[in-house]
Protein backbone atom coordinates (compact mmCIF):
# COMPACT_ATOMS: atom_id res chain seq x y z
CA MET A 1 54.11 -51.27 -54.08
CA ILE A 2 50.91 -49.87 -54.72
CA PRO A 3 48.90 -50.18 -51.71
CA TYR A 4 45.03 -50.83 -52.32
CA ALA A 5 44.22 -48.46 -49.32
CA ARG A 6 46.00 -44.74 -47.88
CA GLN A 7 45.24 -42.27 -46.54
CA SER A 8 45.85 -38.17 -48.05
CA ILE A 9 48.21 -36.24 -45.78
CA ASP A 10 49.49 -32.90 -46.73
CA GLU A 11 51.21 -29.95 -44.78
CA ASP A 12 47.47 -28.38 -43.81
CA ASP A 13 46.85 -32.03 -42.15
CA VAL A 14 50.17 -31.48 -40.24
CA ARG A 15 49.76 -27.99 -39.51
CA ALA A 16 46.24 -28.66 -37.94
CA VAL A 17 47.68 -31.55 -35.84
CA ALA A 18 50.78 -29.69 -34.79
CA GLU A 19 48.60 -26.42 -33.32
CA VAL A 20 46.90 -29.16 -31.19
CA LEU A 21 50.10 -30.57 -29.55
CA ARG A 22 50.68 -26.93 -28.58
CA SER A 23 47.56 -26.14 -27.32
CA ASP A 24 46.44 -26.21 -24.07
CA PHE A 25 44.14 -28.91 -24.74
CA LEU A 26 44.92 -32.95 -26.11
CA THR A 27 41.18 -34.43 -25.21
CA GLY A 28 37.85 -33.04 -24.22
CA GLY A 29 38.78 -29.61 -25.67
CA PRO A 30 37.39 -27.14 -29.42
CA ALA A 31 38.60 -29.77 -31.65
CA VAL A 32 36.61 -31.75 -30.72
CA ASP A 33 32.98 -29.48 -31.08
CA ARG A 34 35.08 -28.05 -34.04
CA PHE A 35 34.93 -31.03 -36.53
CA GLU A 36 30.60 -32.09 -35.24
CA ALA A 37 30.18 -29.28 -36.13
CA ALA A 38 31.69 -29.29 -39.37
CA LEU A 39 30.76 -33.03 -40.19
CA GLY A 40 26.85 -31.79 -38.96
CA GLU A 41 27.30 -29.42 -41.78
CA THR A 42 29.19 -31.85 -44.03
CA VAL A 43 26.26 -34.34 -44.32
CA GLY A 44 23.36 -31.91 -42.70
CA CYS A 45 22.59 -32.78 -39.79
CA PRO A 46 21.87 -31.13 -36.14
CA HIS A 47 23.44 -33.89 -33.60
CA VAL A 48 26.96 -34.92 -34.18
CA VAL A 49 28.87 -37.12 -31.59
CA ALA A 50 32.77 -38.12 -32.39
CA CYS A 51 33.62 -41.34 -30.74
CA SER A 52 36.87 -43.57 -30.81
CA SER A 53 35.86 -45.28 -33.60
CA GLY A 54 33.38 -46.72 -36.09
CA THR A 55 33.75 -49.62 -34.13
CA ALA A 56 32.81 -47.21 -31.69
CA ALA A 57 30.12 -45.86 -32.82
CA LEU A 58 28.30 -48.57 -33.56
CA HIS A 59 28.25 -50.00 -30.07
CA LEU A 60 27.26 -46.47 -28.77
CA ALA A 61 24.04 -47.01 -31.03
CA MET A 62 23.28 -50.09 -29.76
CA LEU A 63 23.42 -48.76 -26.52
CA ALA A 64 21.41 -45.23 -26.52
CA LEU A 65 18.81 -47.48 -28.42
CA ARG A 66 18.49 -49.49 -25.39
CA LEU A 67 18.90 -52.64 -27.44
CA GLY A 68 19.58 -56.06 -25.30
CA PRO A 69 19.31 -59.61 -24.22
CA GLY A 70 16.35 -60.78 -25.63
CA ASP A 71 16.63 -58.58 -28.56
CA ALA A 72 17.37 -59.21 -31.67
CA VAL A 73 19.02 -57.25 -34.55
CA VAL A 74 19.28 -57.55 -38.87
CA VAL A 75 22.60 -57.10 -39.95
CA PRO A 76 23.33 -57.56 -43.80
CA SER A 77 26.35 -60.91 -44.09
CA ILE A 78 28.66 -58.73 -46.06
CA THR A 79 30.30 -55.80 -44.14
CA PHE A 80 33.09 -55.82 -41.54
CA LEU A 81 32.99 -57.93 -38.52
CA ALA A 82 31.82 -54.98 -36.03
CA SER A 83 28.63 -54.49 -37.65
CA ALA A 84 27.75 -57.57 -36.08
CA ASN A 85 30.07 -57.70 -33.38
CA ALA A 86 28.31 -54.19 -31.98
CA VAL A 87 24.96 -55.95 -31.27
CA LYS A 88 26.69 -58.79 -29.17
CA TYR A 89 28.29 -55.89 -27.34
CA VAL A 90 24.47 -55.26 -26.29
CA GLY A 91 24.04 -59.14 -24.89
CA ALA A 92 21.39 -58.59 -27.94
CA ASP A 93 21.47 -61.51 -31.15
CA VAL A 94 22.40 -61.03 -34.72
CA ARG A 95 20.26 -62.29 -37.69
CA PHE A 96 21.69 -62.14 -40.84
CA ALA A 97 20.57 -61.35 -44.20
CA ASP A 98 21.00 -61.95 -47.48
CA VAL A 99 22.65 -59.47 -49.87
CA ASP A 100 22.31 -58.56 -53.58
CA PRO A 101 24.72 -60.65 -55.20
CA ASP A 102 25.86 -58.37 -57.59
CA THR A 103 26.60 -55.39 -55.69
CA GLY A 104 26.53 -56.58 -51.97
CA LEU A 105 24.06 -54.18 -50.72
CA MET A 106 20.92 -55.33 -48.26
CA THR A 107 17.53 -55.17 -50.04
CA PRO A 108 13.70 -54.58 -49.16
CA GLU A 109 13.28 -57.69 -49.91
CA THR A 110 16.36 -59.71 -48.34
CA LEU A 111 15.77 -57.19 -45.53
CA GLN A 112 12.20 -59.08 -45.42
CA GLN A 113 13.29 -62.12 -46.04
CA ALA A 114 15.70 -62.27 -42.84
CA LEU A 115 12.34 -60.73 -40.45
CA ASN A 116 9.87 -63.57 -41.58
CA ALA A 117 12.89 -66.59 -41.19
CA ASP A 118 13.09 -67.86 -37.65
CA GLY A 119 15.31 -66.83 -34.79
CA PRO A 120 16.58 -66.16 -31.62
CA GLY A 121 15.29 -62.68 -30.11
CA LEU A 122 12.64 -60.12 -30.75
CA ILE A 123 13.39 -57.69 -33.68
CA ARG A 124 13.77 -54.47 -32.48
CA ALA A 125 16.42 -53.15 -35.62
CA VAL A 126 18.22 -53.18 -38.70
CA VAL A 127 21.88 -52.31 -39.36
CA VAL A 128 21.78 -50.95 -42.95
CA VAL A 129 25.14 -51.25 -44.77
CA HIS A 130 26.58 -48.52 -47.41
CA LEU A 131 28.94 -50.67 -48.27
CA ASN A 132 32.34 -49.25 -50.56
CA GLY A 133 30.64 -46.10 -50.85
CA GLN A 134 27.25 -47.05 -52.44
CA SER A 135 24.26 -46.13 -50.81
CA VAL A 136 21.00 -49.12 -50.17
CA ASP A 137 17.58 -47.64 -51.03
CA MET A 138 17.01 -46.69 -47.78
CA GLN A 139 13.67 -45.23 -49.11
CA GLY A 140 13.00 -49.16 -49.60
CA ILE A 141 14.31 -50.65 -46.29
CA ALA A 142 12.61 -47.43 -44.37
CA ALA A 143 9.12 -48.35 -45.05
CA VAL A 144 9.92 -52.36 -44.20
CA ALA A 145 11.33 -51.21 -40.82
CA ARG A 146 8.29 -48.68 -39.86
CA GLU A 147 5.32 -51.25 -41.09
CA ARG A 148 7.60 -53.06 -38.00
CA GLY A 149 8.21 -50.90 -35.93
CA LEU A 150 11.46 -51.74 -36.33
CA PHE A 151 15.34 -49.11 -35.34
CA VAL A 152 17.47 -48.22 -38.88
CA VAL A 153 21.60 -47.82 -37.34
CA GLU A 154 23.33 -47.21 -40.94
CA ASP A 155 26.54 -48.13 -40.92
CA ALA A 156 27.96 -45.73 -43.19
CA CYS A 157 31.48 -46.55 -42.22
CA HIS A 158 32.39 -46.54 -46.27
CA ALA A 159 30.23 -43.79 -47.80
CA LEU A 160 30.65 -40.64 -46.52
CA GLY A 161 29.51 -37.67 -49.12
CA GLY A 162 27.53 -40.83 -50.85
CA ALA A 163 23.72 -39.95 -50.63
CA SER A 164 20.17 -41.31 -51.08
CA VAL A 165 17.15 -40.62 -52.87
CA LEU A 166 14.01 -40.09 -50.79
CA ASP A 167 10.85 -39.18 -51.97
CA GLY A 168 12.78 -37.76 -55.46
CA ARG A 169 14.93 -35.69 -52.93
CA ARG A 170 19.52 -36.21 -52.32
CA HIS A 171 19.91 -37.07 -48.61
CA PRO A 172 24.19 -37.31 -47.72
CA VAL A 173 24.35 -40.19 -46.01
CA GLY A 174 24.45 -39.19 -42.36
CA SER A 175 21.57 -37.26 -42.76
CA ALA A 176 19.75 -39.61 -40.64
CA VAL A 177 16.43 -38.42 -42.24
CA ALA A 178 15.16 -42.10 -42.91
CA SER A 179 16.62 -43.76 -40.03
CA ASP A 180 17.79 -42.97 -36.11
CA LEU A 181 21.90 -42.59 -35.94
CA ALA A 182 24.20 -43.59 -38.88
CA CYS A 183 27.99 -43.96 -38.02
CA PHE A 184 30.62 -42.88 -39.76
CA SER A 185 34.21 -44.31 -39.39
CA PHE A 186 37.63 -42.36 -39.94
CA HIS A 187 40.15 -45.46 -40.61
CA PRO A 188 43.46 -44.32 -42.56
CA ALA A 189 41.25 -46.52 -45.92
CA LYS A 190 38.56 -44.58 -45.73
CA VAL A 191 37.97 -40.90 -47.88
CA ILE A 192 39.47 -39.49 -45.14
CA ALA A 193 41.54 -40.38 -42.23
CA MET A 194 41.63 -39.40 -37.74
CA GLY A 195 44.49 -42.06 -37.50
CA GLU A 196 41.68 -43.86 -35.52
CA GLY A 197 37.93 -42.50 -34.97
CA GLY A 198 34.71 -42.06 -36.10
CA ALA A 199 30.94 -40.43 -35.36
CA VAL A 200 27.27 -40.97 -35.04
CA THR A 201 24.90 -38.47 -36.19
CA THR A 202 21.39 -38.54 -35.79
CA ARG A 203 18.14 -36.15 -35.99
CA ASP A 204 16.98 -36.89 -31.89
CA PRO A 205 18.29 -34.85 -29.22
CA ASP A 206 17.41 -36.82 -26.71
CA LEU A 207 19.44 -40.36 -28.54
CA ALA A 208 22.22 -37.43 -29.58
CA GLU A 209 22.51 -36.26 -25.09
CA ARG A 210 22.38 -40.39 -24.48
CA VAL A 211 25.06 -41.16 -26.62
CA ARG A 212 27.52 -38.46 -25.50
CA ARG A 213 26.98 -39.53 -22.24
CA LEU A 214 28.18 -43.37 -22.62
CA ARG A 215 31.09 -41.69 -24.92
CA ASN A 216 32.37 -40.88 -21.79
CA HIS A 217 32.04 -43.13 -19.32
CA GLY A 218 28.25 -43.14 -18.38
CA MET A 219 28.78 -39.40 -16.46
CA VAL A 220 26.23 -36.62 -16.40
CA ARG A 221 27.02 -32.82 -15.06
CA ASN A 222 23.93 -31.10 -15.46
CA PRO A 223 22.80 -30.83 -11.43
CA ALA A 224 18.72 -30.99 -12.83
CA ASP A 225 20.16 -34.38 -14.09
CA PHE A 226 21.05 -35.52 -10.24
CA SER A 227 19.66 -37.89 -8.08
CA GLU A 228 21.59 -38.72 -4.81
CA ARG A 229 20.77 -34.95 -3.76
CA ALA A 230 22.80 -35.35 0.04
CA GLN A 231 25.54 -35.70 -2.55
CA ALA A 232 25.48 -33.38 -4.56
CA PHE A 233 24.29 -30.02 -3.52
CA ASP A 234 25.61 -28.09 -0.39
CA ALA A 235 23.49 -26.82 2.47
CA GLU A 236 22.72 -23.70 1.13
CA GLY A 237 21.49 -25.85 -2.23
CA MET A 238 23.98 -25.05 -4.58
CA PRO A 239 25.65 -27.65 -6.55
CA ASN A 240 28.92 -29.22 -5.45
CA PRO A 241 31.31 -27.86 -8.45
CA TRP A 242 33.12 -31.71 -8.12
CA TYR A 243 30.00 -33.64 -8.41
CA TYR A 244 29.16 -36.07 -11.44
CA GLU A 245 26.93 -38.83 -11.04
CA MET A 246 26.98 -42.14 -13.09
CA PRO A 247 23.02 -43.46 -13.62
CA GLU A 248 24.39 -46.48 -15.54
CA PRO A 249 28.32 -47.61 -17.11
CA GLY A 250 29.39 -46.00 -20.51
CA PHE A 251 32.24 -46.49 -21.94
CA ASN A 252 35.91 -44.78 -23.21
CA TYR A 253 34.81 -43.63 -26.78
CA ARG A 254 35.87 -40.26 -26.77
CA ALA A 255 37.48 -38.69 -29.60
CA SER A 256 40.67 -36.40 -28.96
CA ASP A 257 41.20 -32.90 -29.92
CA ILE A 258 44.51 -34.50 -31.88
CA HIS A 259 42.31 -37.24 -33.64
CA CYS A 260 39.79 -34.12 -34.20
CA ALA A 261 42.15 -31.82 -35.51
CA LEU A 262 43.14 -33.79 -38.61
CA GLY A 263 39.25 -34.97 -39.35
CA GLU A 264 38.48 -31.45 -39.60
CA SER A 265 41.32 -30.53 -41.30
CA GLN A 266 41.15 -33.77 -43.80
CA LEU A 267 37.11 -32.30 -44.25
CA ARG A 268 37.60 -29.41 -45.68
CA LYS A 269 39.53 -31.29 -48.44
CA LEU A 270 36.21 -34.00 -49.07
CA SER A 271 35.32 -33.02 -51.53
CA THR A 272 38.64 -32.67 -53.73
CA PHE A 273 38.68 -35.93 -52.36
CA LEU A 274 35.64 -37.18 -53.52
CA ALA A 275 36.46 -35.97 -57.26
CA ARG A 276 39.75 -37.39 -57.73
CA ARG A 277 38.25 -41.31 -56.55
CA ARG A 278 35.65 -40.81 -59.18
CA GLU A 279 37.93 -39.84 -61.92
CA LEU A 280 39.73 -42.93 -60.66
CA ALA A 281 36.82 -44.74 -60.84
CA ALA A 282 36.20 -43.29 -65.08
CA LEU A 283 39.65 -44.48 -65.40
CA TYR A 284 39.30 -48.13 -64.09
CA ASP A 285 36.08 -48.65 -66.14
CA GLU A 286 37.44 -47.34 -69.56
CA ALA A 287 40.32 -49.91 -68.30
CA LEU A 288 38.41 -52.31 -67.43
CA ALA A 289 35.72 -52.40 -70.12
CA PRO A 290 38.18 -55.35 -72.24
CA LEU A 291 37.85 -57.47 -70.01
CA ALA A 292 33.91 -58.03 -69.59
CA PRO A 293 32.60 -60.03 -69.73
CA LEU A 294 35.38 -61.82 -67.11
CA VAL A 295 36.31 -58.58 -65.08
CA ARG A 296 32.89 -55.94 -64.90
CA PRO A 297 33.05 -53.49 -61.86
CA VAL A 298 30.50 -54.07 -59.10
CA PRO A 299 26.92 -52.12 -60.03
CA ARG A 300 26.11 -49.17 -59.25
CA GLY A 301 24.14 -45.74 -59.43
CA PRO A 302 24.65 -42.38 -60.38
CA SER A 303 28.24 -41.41 -59.53
CA GLU A 304 27.60 -38.14 -57.79
CA HIS A 305 25.85 -40.54 -54.83
CA ASP A 306 29.27 -42.51 -54.07
CA GLY A 307 31.03 -42.25 -51.36
CA TRP A 308 33.41 -44.11 -53.37
CA HIS A 309 35.66 -45.46 -50.49
CA LEU A 310 36.45 -48.92 -52.31
CA TYR A 311 36.44 -50.02 -56.62
CA VAL A 312 35.31 -53.48 -56.21
CA VAL A 313 35.26 -56.01 -59.50
CA LEU A 314 33.35 -59.36 -59.70
CA ILE A 315 35.19 -61.58 -61.05
CA ASP A 316 34.63 -65.22 -63.22
CA PHE A 317 37.63 -66.88 -61.59
CA ALA A 318 36.12 -70.61 -62.42
CA ARG A 319 36.57 -69.11 -65.95
CA ALA A 320 39.50 -68.02 -65.62
CA GLY A 321 40.97 -71.14 -64.15
CA ARG A 322 42.92 -68.95 -61.05
CA SER A 323 42.00 -69.11 -57.88
CA ARG A 324 41.84 -65.25 -56.24
CA ALA A 325 44.06 -66.85 -53.79
CA GLU A 326 46.53 -67.71 -56.85
CA VAL A 327 45.81 -63.79 -58.69
CA MET A 328 46.14 -62.19 -55.50
CA ARG A 329 49.74 -63.27 -54.74
CA SER A 330 50.10 -62.73 -58.64
CA VAL A 331 49.19 -59.00 -58.70
CA ARG A 332 51.23 -58.37 -55.50
CA ASP A 333 54.13 -60.00 -56.83
CA ALA A 334 54.00 -57.39 -59.41
CA GLY A 335 53.90 -54.73 -56.94
CA ILE A 336 49.84 -54.35 -56.58
CA GLY A 337 47.67 -55.11 -53.02
CA THR A 338 44.57 -56.05 -53.43
CA GLN A 339 41.79 -56.87 -50.79
CA VAL A 340 38.62 -58.56 -50.09
CA HIS A 341 35.45 -57.34 -48.98
CA TYR A 342 34.37 -59.14 -47.21
CA LEU A 343 34.04 -63.01 -46.25
CA PRO A 344 30.19 -63.82 -45.67
CA VAL A 345 29.80 -62.73 -41.57
CA HIS A 346 27.64 -65.56 -41.27
CA ARG A 347 30.24 -67.92 -41.97
CA GLN A 348 32.66 -66.71 -39.18
CA PRO A 349 33.62 -69.64 -36.87
CA TYR A 350 31.54 -67.52 -33.49
CA TYR A 351 28.70 -66.75 -35.80
CA ARG A 352 28.53 -70.47 -37.11
CA THR A 353 28.35 -72.25 -34.38
CA ALA A 354 24.60 -70.35 -33.85
CA ASP A 355 23.61 -71.39 -36.99
CA ARG A 356 25.93 -73.82 -38.85
CA GLU A 357 22.89 -74.78 -41.07
CA LEU A 358 22.65 -70.51 -42.15
CA THR A 359 23.01 -70.46 -46.63
CA LEU A 360 22.87 -66.66 -48.04
CA SER A 361 22.74 -67.21 -51.62
CA GLY A 362 23.33 -63.75 -52.60
CA ALA A 363 25.75 -63.00 -50.38
CA ASP A 364 28.42 -66.10 -51.25
CA THR A 365 27.85 -65.15 -54.65
CA TYR A 366 28.94 -61.53 -54.26
CA TYR A 367 32.31 -63.25 -52.03
CA GLU A 368 33.06 -65.80 -54.14
CA ARG A 369 33.71 -62.89 -57.48
CA CYS A 370 35.16 -60.10 -55.19
CA LEU A 371 37.42 -58.10 -55.40
CA SER A 372 39.06 -54.74 -53.77
CA LEU A 373 41.28 -53.15 -56.49
CA PRO A 374 43.76 -49.49 -54.96
CA MET A 375 41.97 -47.22 -54.70
CA HIS A 376 43.32 -43.41 -52.94
CA CYS A 377 43.56 -40.06 -54.62
CA ASP A 378 46.89 -40.96 -54.49
CA LEU A 379 46.97 -43.25 -57.39
CA GLN A 380 48.05 -42.36 -60.43
CA GLU A 381 47.04 -42.94 -64.03
CA THR A 382 49.19 -45.32 -65.55
CA GLU A 383 49.48 -46.91 -62.63
CA ILE A 384 45.48 -47.98 -63.49
CA TRP A 385 46.66 -48.45 -66.80
CA ARG A 386 49.56 -50.69 -65.66
CA MET A 387 47.48 -52.98 -62.81
CA ILE A 388 45.40 -53.71 -65.76
CA MET A 389 47.64 -55.11 -67.43
CA VAL A 390 49.19 -57.44 -65.08
CA LEU A 391 45.16 -58.55 -64.28
CA ARG A 392 44.70 -59.77 -67.71
CA ASP A 393 47.91 -61.07 -67.72
CA THR A 394 47.68 -62.76 -64.39
CA LEU A 395 43.83 -63.99 -65.76
CA ALA A 396 44.86 -65.31 -69.26
C-alpha cells in the first residue's frame, strides 16, 4: 500500500532518541532547549516554545492573547478541526471565513467579508491557515488585520520550510514578522516528525513567557513574580527553594526530551526533505499534465516558497461521471492511499448548530473537487507514474 503520508526515519533519528533514553532527562531537560533553539534558527524567530501537539500550540496561542467569552476569532473554513476548536477551548466564538475556490486559502478579501458579516462576539483575532504547505498572502491579511486592530495567529502546521513575501522580501513561515504568534505541528504526516509535538513562535518576549507558563500548569518559579510573600520567603527574606505559584491555571502541554530529540534530528534534514518533496511535486506536475483539465494540481506560487506538506489535485468528478468516494475506493483497491483535506469546518454538526444557514461558496467549491495524493520522501518515481495511470483509468 502506498500511503498518502508517512514519516521518514533513519538511524540518525534512532540514535538521537536512544541517547535521550540513556540520559538523566526524559522530559524537562536539555533536548527541549536544543530543539527550540534549532527551530528558532530555522524559521528566523527569537522565541520558540515547544509543546505536545499542534492543537496544544493553537490553544496556547489563544490563551496567550487572553481571548475568551464575548470575543470572536475569524477562522477559514478549509482547515483541520483544531484551528477552530482552539477558539472554542477558551470560550470565544468562531466566525468562519471563505477561501479561494482553487487554492483553499483565505484571502484579504474573504477575511474582509467575514469581518463585515454579522455574528456573535467582538472580533479580536484572525487565525491564518497556510494550507497544504502554501502560504497565504500575509502582507494583505496583516494589512486588513492592522486596520481593525486584530491579533494575527498563523496556523503553520502545514508549512514548515515555506515562506511569505513581505515588502518584496522572503520571510520563513514561523518568523512571525506579520503575526503575533505562529503555531506548528510535528505529527508524522508533516514534513518533520516528532511522533506528536508542536511549537509556538513569536517575536514578543512577553507572549513567549506567557506561553511557557501556560504550557506547564501556569506555574511560576521566579521570585520576582511571587505574590504570597509570607509563603514564598523565609525569615531572612530568601525565597524558599521548593516554592512556586500559580497565578492562573495552565495545562500540561510540555514536549518531552524524547520527542524533541527526534524533532531536532529531523530538523537537520529539513532542507533535504523539502528538496525531495519539490522533486516529487514536479514529477506529479509532469505526469498529470495529460489529464488536464479533468485533473489539475492546486494552483500555487513559486516552488521555493512552498512547505510541500500535501500534494492536492482538483478533479471534476461530475465530468468524469465518478464520485470522489468511488475514485478513492478504486485507487485504494490498487494499493494507493488518498485523503481529503478538508470537509469545511462550518459544515461540521457542532458548528452548524450555531448557524445552519451559513454558506461559503469558495470553501464548498474547493472541497467538492480536492483530493490529496501520496506525498512523502520515500515515494518513488515509478510509483507516481503507476498512481497516475490508475487514476487515469479510474476516471476514464
